[in-house]
Protein backbone atom coordinates (compact mmCIF):
# COMPACT_ATOMS: atom_id res chain seq x y z
CA MET A 1 -10.87 -20.10 1.51
CA LEU A 2 -7.78 -19.48 -0.58
CA VAL A 3 -9.43 -16.66 -2.52
CA SER A 4 -10.72 -15.12 0.71
CA LYS A 5 -7.22 -15.05 2.23
CA ARG A 6 -5.79 -13.50 -0.94
CA LEU A 7 -8.54 -10.90 -1.03
CA LYS A 8 -8.00 -9.98 2.62
CA ARG A 9 -4.28 -9.64 2.02
CA LEU A 10 -4.92 -7.44 -1.03
CA LEU A 11 -7.36 -5.22 0.89
CA LYS A 12 -4.83 -4.81 3.71
CA LEU A 13 -2.45 -3.20 1.21
CA VAL A 14 -4.77 -0.19 0.81
CA PRO A 15 -3.41 2.52 3.13
CA GLY A 16 -5.40 4.32 5.84
CA GLU A 17 -6.98 1.37 7.65
CA ARG A 18 -6.50 2.77 11.16
CA ARG A 19 -7.54 6.33 10.38
CA PHE A 20 -10.36 5.84 7.86
CA GLY A 21 -11.45 2.22 8.34
CA PHE A 22 -13.78 1.00 5.62
CA TYR A 23 -14.06 4.52 4.17
CA ARG A 24 -10.53 4.32 2.81
CA PHE A 25 -12.05 2.71 -0.30
CA LEU A 26 -14.19 5.77 -1.09
CA PRO A 27 -11.74 7.32 -3.61
CA PHE A 28 -11.89 4.12 -5.69
CA PHE A 29 -15.67 4.38 -5.87
CA PHE A 30 -15.50 8.04 -6.89
CA VAL A 31 -13.09 7.19 -9.69
CA LEU A 32 -15.24 4.25 -10.77
CA GLY A 33 -18.34 6.46 -10.83
CA GLY A 34 -16.55 9.12 -12.85
CA ALA A 35 -15.32 6.54 -15.33
CA MET A 36 -18.83 5.14 -15.75
CA GLU A 37 -20.23 8.64 -16.29
CA TRP A 38 -17.57 9.43 -18.90
CA PHE A 39 -18.29 6.13 -20.66
CA MET A 40 -22.03 6.81 -20.79
CA ILE A 41 -21.52 10.31 -22.18
CA ASN A 42 -18.75 9.71 -24.70
CA VAL A 43 -18.83 6.11 -25.90
CA ARG A 44 -21.21 5.39 -28.74
CA ILE A 45 -22.68 1.93 -29.11
CA GLY A 46 -24.09 1.78 -32.59
CA LYS A 47 -25.17 5.35 -33.31
CA GLU A 48 -26.25 6.38 -29.81
CA THR A 49 -24.86 7.06 -26.39
CA PHE A 50 -26.69 6.30 -23.16
CA TYR A 51 -27.80 9.91 -22.80
CA ASP A 52 -29.18 10.04 -26.36
CA VAL A 53 -31.46 7.13 -25.50
CA TYR A 54 -32.39 8.69 -22.14
CA ARG A 55 -33.33 12.03 -23.70
CA ARG A 56 -35.36 10.37 -26.45
CA LYS A 57 -37.30 8.23 -23.96
CA GLN A 58 -37.91 11.26 -21.73
CA SER A 59 -39.30 13.30 -24.63
CA GLU A 60 -41.50 10.35 -25.68
CA ARG A 61 -42.94 10.17 -22.16
CA GLN A 62 -43.62 13.91 -22.12
CA TYR A 63 -45.34 13.68 -25.51
CA GLU A 64 -47.54 10.81 -24.30
CA GLU A 65 -48.49 12.79 -21.17
CA ARG A 66 -49.48 15.79 -23.29
CA MET A 67 -51.57 13.59 -25.57
CA GLU A 68 -53.38 12.05 -22.58
CA LYS A 69 -54.12 15.49 -21.09
CA GLY A 70 -55.27 16.82 -24.44
CA GLU A 71 -57.80 14.06 -25.01
């Protein structure tokens, strides 16, 4: 209960409750989404970024599809 009361009090501090209601949190989600996108594009873990892995897997799937059609 103590955490719930603290959380409610913290959420009340976000402005725009009467005008926007729950949607007043939308800008936070946009910023969070942008930060995640930037992280996936620019931060390398090992030698690859998320998009390097995605592109490689996509090209592997396309190659497998071509091989299946060709057989």
